Amino acid sequence: MPVRQLRRLEAPTGQSFHARLSREALSSAWSPPDVNEIPVTHPELIVERDGNVLAAFAGNGLARLAYSFKSDGEFVDHFPPMFEQLLPRIRKSLSAETVRFRLALGSSRMSVEPVLKKLSFTPLRPWLTFALEKRGAILTATSPKGIAFRAGTADDIKAIVRLDREAFPDTPMSESAYRHNLSRGHQLLLATVGADVIGYALYSNDGAGEGYLSSLAVAEAYRGRAVGPALTKRVAKWAFAQGADHLALRTEEDNSTAIRVYRALGFKHTGSGNDYERPTDPRV
């Protein structure tokens, strides 16, 4: 059928853009601060077709797609032309070399994956989501022997990046990405031995009942000494004190060590999914 001209979506009055995207069953709205900023900073990166929405924003050196489709059939019909319309704008406005699509696994996978494959998206490793509910949580945050904890600042980012690259060599976050997160209200909690940073947690509170643990890493020499659990407990206590009903996090499906720790702390498995990536340059 003919492809109609796509048009920009204006943010609805009285409703955040994140809430607008989150209301459909087939959607991925990522974090509220990032998504709500799109209509303000990059309205050209929002397209709508027959009530379905596709948008993009920058994150950790790549472009991420936020979307909302009314049904699997609507996705199959509308995503390809909407994406092709949006792709050159992503290259121009975000200068990103890679674009990422996130899908929570479920019945939609059978419809969505063939479309992504035709558009040259390749799947990354599966992920799992977990949540710790405030109700009934037992969080006695003792300090491992010889290790202190303090709030981190932008001055600590270089140390954080070194830990990040040691812990996540395949998917490191850049220094600029950490600075961006802190500028958007994310918090840093550090584990230290003397002046040395040996662990960190990056976390936030969306103000709507959810805290989110974005990243956590411990130096290899200090793993197995309960530093990770101590960081997680302190983040949860902070989130709950800020009014969150639960603390959520995401980890790769094969990260068995972290999953055991989270389950031992009372986290429950809440979802699964895959990310998919492709270059923004069609010639690649």
Protein backbone atom coordinates (compact mmCIF):
# COMPACT_ATOMS: atom_id res chain seq x y z
CA MET A 1 0.00 0.00 0.00
CA PRO A 2 1.23 3.58 -0.57
CA VAL A 3 3.35 5.17 2.12
CA ARG A 4 1.88 8.41 3.37
CA GLN A 5 4.04 11.32 4.38
CA LEU A 6 5.19 11.05 7.97
CA ARG A 7 4.66 14.01 10.23
CA ARG A 8 6.16 15.22 13.46
CA LEU A 9 4.47 14.45 16.72
CA GLU A 10 3.94 17.28 19.14
CA ALA A 11 4.04 16.44 22.83
CA PRO A 12 0.45 16.10 24.10
CA THR A 13 -0.65 18.75 26.53
CA GLY A 14 -0.75 17.45 30.09
CA GLN A 15 0.95 14.14 29.24
CA SER A 16 4.66 13.43 29.05
CA PHE A 17 6.11 12.01 25.87
CA HIS A 18 7.31 8.98 27.83
CA ALA A 19 3.77 8.33 29.08
CA ARG A 20 2.47 8.76 25.54
CA LEU A 21 4.79 6.04 24.27
CA SER A 22 4.25 3.70 27.21
CA ARG A 23 0.50 3.33 26.81
CA GLU A 24 0.59 0.81 23.91
CA ALA A 25 1.32 -2.89 24.42
CA LEU A 26 4.10 -2.99 21.80
CA SER A 27 6.38 -0.22 23.01
CA SER A 28 9.77 0.63 24.42
CA ALA A 29 10.11 4.02 26.06
CA TRP A 30 13.48 3.60 27.85
CA SER A 31 14.03 6.12 30.67
CA PRO A 32 11.65 9.07 31.21
CA PRO A 33 14.33 11.81 31.33
CA ASP A 34 15.88 10.82 28.00
CA VAL A 35 12.60 10.27 26.17
CA ASN A 36 10.84 13.36 27.52
CA GLU A 37 13.68 15.50 26.24
CA ILE A 38 13.25 14.42 22.60
CA PRO A 39 10.37 16.82 21.74
CA VAL A 40 12.37 19.67 23.30
CA THR A 41 15.83 19.08 21.84
CA HIS A 42 15.19 17.01 18.70
CA PRO A 43 11.57 17.22 17.50
CA GLU A 44 12.81 16.21 14.05
CA LEU A 45 13.58 12.78 15.50
CA ILE A 46 9.91 11.99 16.15
CA VAL A 47 7.61 10.60 13.46
CA GLU A 48 4.02 9.39 13.71
CA ARG A 49 1.92 7.35 11.35
CA ASP A 50 -1.69 6.44 12.01
CA GLY A 51 -1.18 6.84 15.76
CA ASN A 52 2.04 4.81 15.84
CA VAL A 53 5.18 6.60 17.03
CA LEU A 54 8.89 6.13 16.40
CA ALA A 55 11.56 8.38 17.91
CA ALA A 56 15.31 8.42 18.56
CA PHE A 57 17.69 9.81 21.15
CA ALA A 58 21.42 9.55 21.85
CA GLY A 59 22.78 7.28 24.56
CA ASN A 60 26.27 5.91 25.22
CA GLY A 61 27.60 6.72 21.76
CA LEU A 62 24.69 5.30 19.77
CA ALA A 63 21.12 6.14 18.82
CA ARG A 64 18.31 4.39 20.66
CA LEU A 65 14.84 3.91 19.25
CA ALA A 66 11.79 4.63 21.40
CA TYR A 67 8.51 3.47 19.90
CA SER A 68 4.84 2.81 20.39
CA PHE A 69 2.74 0.65 18.03
CA LYS A 70 -0.91 -0.22 18.47
CA SER A 71 -0.46 -3.87 17.45
CA ASP A 72 1.97 -6.33 15.90
CA GLY A 73 0.29 -5.83 12.54
CA GLU A 74 0.71 -2.07 12.78
CA PHE A 75 4.42 -2.60 13.49
CA VAL A 76 4.85 -4.86 10.46
CA ASP A 77 3.10 -2.34 8.20
CA HIS A 78 4.51 0.91 9.53
CA PHE A 79 7.90 0.38 11.15
CA PRO A 80 9.95 -0.07 7.93
CA PRO A 81 8.87 3.20 6.22
CA MET A 82 9.00 5.10 9.51
CA PHE A 83 12.51 3.83 10.19
CA GLU A 84 13.72 4.65 6.69
CA GLN A 85 12.32 8.15 7.13
CA LEU A 86 13.99 8.57 10.51
CA LEU A 87 17.39 7.05 9.68
CA PRO A 88 18.93 10.01 7.77
CA ARG A 89 17.73 12.37 10.50
CA ILE A 90 19.50 10.20 13.09
CA ARG A 91 22.75 10.40 11.13
CA LYS A 92 22.42 14.16 10.73
CA SER A 93 21.22 15.16 14.21
CA LEU A 94 22.97 12.61 16.45
CA SER A 95 26.05 11.70 14.36
CA ALA A 96 25.59 8.14 15.64
CA GLU A 97 27.20 5.21 13.83
CA THR A 98 24.89 2.61 15.37
CA VAL A 99 21.18 2.45 16.13
CA ARG A 100 19.67 0.15 18.78
CA PHE A 101 16.17 -1.33 19.05
CA ARG A 102 14.92 -2.89 22.30
CA LEU A 103 12.23 -5.57 22.49
CA ALA A 104 10.71 -7.16 25.58
CA LEU A 105 10.21 -10.82 24.73
CA GLY A 106 6.69 -12.11 24.31
CA SER A 107 4.21 -12.99 21.61
CA SER A 108 5.30 -9.98 19.51
CA ARG A 109 8.73 -11.47 18.87
CA MET A 110 7.46 -13.70 16.03
CA SER A 111 6.21 -10.62 14.18
CA VAL A 112 8.96 -8.15 15.07
CA GLU A 113 12.16 -10.13 14.49
CA PRO A 114 11.58 -10.85 10.76
CA VAL A 115 11.02 -7.12 10.17
CA LEU A 116 14.22 -6.23 12.01
CA LYS A 117 16.16 -8.88 10.10
CA LYS A 118 15.06 -7.44 6.76
CA LEU A 119 16.31 -4.04 7.93
CA SER A 120 19.76 -5.53 8.81
CA PHE A 121 19.37 -5.47 12.60
CA THR A 122 21.34 -8.18 14.39
CA PRO A 123 20.45 -9.46 17.89
CA LEU A 124 22.68 -8.90 20.90
CA ARG A 125 22.80 -11.10 24.00
CA PRO A 126 19.44 -11.54 25.77
CA TRP A 127 18.78 -9.61 28.98
CA LEU A 128 16.67 -10.07 32.08
CA THR A 129 15.00 -7.48 34.29
CA PHE A 130 14.64 -7.74 38.07
CA ALA A 131 12.89 -5.65 40.71
CA LEU A 132 13.12 -5.36 44.47
CA GLU A 133 9.88 -4.28 46.10
CA LYS A 134 10.00 -1.81 48.97
CA ARG A 135 7.35 -3.77 50.84
CA GLY A 136 9.02 -6.49 52.84
CA ALA A 137 12.57 -5.63 51.76
CA ILE A 138 15.22 -6.36 54.40
CA LEU A 139 18.22 -4.11 53.79
CA THR A 140 20.84 -4.25 56.50
CA ALA A 141 23.66 -2.44 54.72
CA THR A 142 26.80 -3.46 56.60
CA SER A 143 30.21 -2.44 55.27
CA PRO A 144 32.71 -5.11 54.22
CA LYS A 145 35.90 -4.91 56.29
CA GLY A 146 38.27 -2.16 55.18
CA ILE A 147 35.86 -0.72 52.59
CA ALA A 148 34.12 2.66 52.87
CA PHE A 149 31.26 4.15 50.85
CA ARG A 150 30.67 7.70 49.69
CA ALA A 151 28.75 9.68 47.09
CA GLY A 152 30.53 10.16 43.78
CA THR A 153 30.83 13.31 41.68
CA ALA A 154 31.95 14.25 38.19
CA ASP A 155 35.52 14.32 39.53
CA ASP A 156 35.32 10.54 39.98
CA ILE A 157 34.27 9.72 36.42
CA LYS A 158 37.74 8.79 35.12
CA ALA A 159 38.05 6.21 37.90
CA ILE A 160 34.55 4.94 37.11
CA VAL A 161 35.37 4.55 33.43
CA ARG A 162 38.43 2.44 34.28
CA LEU A 163 36.28 0.12 36.39
CA ASP A 164 33.60 0.02 33.71
CA ARG A 165 36.08 -1.08 31.04
CA GLU A 166 37.47 -3.77 33.31
CA ALA A 167 34.02 -5.13 34.14
CA PHE A 168 32.34 -4.66 30.74
CA PRO A 169 35.06 -4.81 28.05
CA ASP A 170 32.55 -5.63 25.30
CA THR A 171 30.06 -2.87 26.12
CA PRO A 172 31.93 -0.01 27.82
CA MET A 173 30.29 3.33 28.58
CA SER A 174 32.18 6.44 27.55
CA GLU A 175 33.23 9.24 29.86
CA SER A 176 30.83 11.57 28.08
CA ALA A 177 27.97 9.11 28.67
CA TYR A 178 28.63 9.12 32.41
CA ARG A 179 28.80 12.91 32.46
CA HIS A 180 25.51 13.06 30.55
CA ASN A 181 23.85 10.73 33.07
CA LEU A 182 25.03 12.82 36.02
CA SER A 183 23.79 15.99 34.32
CA ARG A 184 20.35 14.34 34.03
CA GLY A 185 20.09 13.64 37.76
CA HIS A 186 21.67 10.19 38.07
CA GLN A 187 23.59 9.51 41.27
CA LEU A 188 26.92 7.77 41.92
CA LEU A 189 27.75 5.67 44.96
CA LEU A 190 31.37 4.63 45.36
CA ALA A 191 33.10 1.89 47.32
CA THR A 192 36.62 2.93 48.28
CA VAL A 193 39.76 1.62 49.93
CA GLY A 194 41.72 4.64 51.02
CA ALA A 195 41.76 7.00 48.04
CA ASP A 196 41.13 4.21 45.51
CA VAL A 197 37.69 3.63 43.98
CA ILE A 198 37.14 -0.14 43.90
CA GLY A 199 33.40 -0.24 43.09
CA TYR A 200 30.54 1.96 41.98
CA ALA A 201 26.81 2.05 41.37
CA LEU A 202 25.02 4.44 38.99
CA TYR A 203 21.35 4.88 39.81
CA SER A 204 18.33 7.17 39.51
CA ASN A 205 14.74 7.73 40.59
CA ASP A 206 12.11 8.55 37.96
CA GLY A 207 9.81 10.27 40.46
CA ALA A 208 6.94 7.95 39.57
CA GLY A 209 7.57 5.11 41.96
CA GLU A 210 10.57 3.45 40.32
CA GLY A 211 14.23 3.56 41.19
CA TYR A 212 16.63 2.21 38.61
CA LEU A 213 20.11 0.74 39.06
CA SER A 214 21.76 1.52 35.72
CA SER A 215 25.23 0.10 36.26
CA LEU A 216 27.27 -1.57 38.98
CA ALA A 217 30.86 -2.83 38.90
CA VAL A 218 33.53 -3.95 41.35
CA ALA A 219 37.26 -4.18 40.69
CA GLU A 220 38.35 -7.76 40.04
CA ALA A 221 40.66 -7.83 43.08
CA TYR A 222 37.71 -7.08 45.40
CA ARG A 223 35.07 -9.38 43.96
CA GLY A 224 33.67 -12.00 46.31
CA ARG A 225 33.93 -9.67 49.31
CA ALA A 226 30.24 -8.58 49.32
CA VAL A 227 31.01 -5.16 47.83
CA GLY A 228 28.35 -5.53 45.11
CA PRO A 229 25.59 -6.52 47.54
CA ALA A 230 26.55 -3.66 49.87
CA LEU A 231 26.34 -1.15 47.00
CA THR A 232 22.99 -2.56 45.87
CA LYS A 233 21.48 -2.40 49.36
CA ARG A 234 22.54 1.23 49.79
CA VAL A 235 21.09 2.17 46.40
CA ALA A 236 17.79 0.45 47.31
CA LYS A 237 17.59 2.28 50.64
CA TRP A 238 18.19 5.59 48.85
CA ALA A 239 15.54 4.85 46.21
CA PHE A 240 12.95 3.86 48.80
CA ALA A 241 13.74 6.96 50.89
CA GLN A 242 13.09 9.04 47.74
CA GLY A 243 9.60 7.56 47.40
CA ALA A 244 10.21 4.67 45.01
CA ASP A 245 8.03 1.57 45.42
CA HIS A 246 10.65 -0.69 43.87
CA LEU A 247 14.18 -0.74 42.51
CA ALA A 248 14.58 -2.14 38.99
CA LEU A 249 17.65 -3.27 37.08
CA ARG A 250 18.64 -5.05 33.90
CA THR A 251 21.43 -7.60 33.41
CA GLU A 252 22.52 -9.94 30.63
CA GLU A 253 21.00 -13.39 30.73
CA ASP A 254 24.38 -15.12 31.08
CA ASN A 255 25.56 -12.96 34.01
CA SER A 256 24.94 -15.80 36.46
CA THR A 257 27.05 -14.35 39.28
CA ALA A 258 25.11 -11.08 39.38
CA ILE A 259 21.78 -12.88 39.04
CA ARG A 260 22.55 -15.05 42.09
CA VAL A 261 23.41 -11.93 44.09
CA TYR A 262 20.21 -10.12 43.09
CA ARG A 263 18.03 -13.14 43.90
CA ALA A 264 19.72 -13.51 47.28
CA LEU A 265 18.87 -9.86 48.02
CA GLY A 266 15.18 -10.46 47.26
CA PHE A 267 14.95 -9.28 43.65
CA LYS A 268 12.32 -10.98 41.50
CA HIS A 269 12.57 -11.68 37.78
CA THR A 270 10.13 -9.35 35.99
CA GLY A 271 10.90 -9.65 32.29
CA SER A 272 13.20 -10.70 29.47
CA GLY A 273 14.20 -9.26 26.14
CA ASN A 274 16.70 -8.61 23.41
CA ASP A 275 18.44 -5.59 21.97
CA TYR A 276 19.16 -5.37 18.24
CA GLU A 277 21.67 -3.15 16.45
CA ARG A 278 22.62 -2.05 12.97
CA PRO A 279 24.82 0.68 11.44
CA THR A 280 23.16 3.97 10.66
CA ASP A 281 24.99 4.07 7.34
CA PRO A 282 23.11 1.80 4.89
CA ARG A 283 26.33 1.23 2.91
CA VAL A 284 27.81 -0.55 5.93
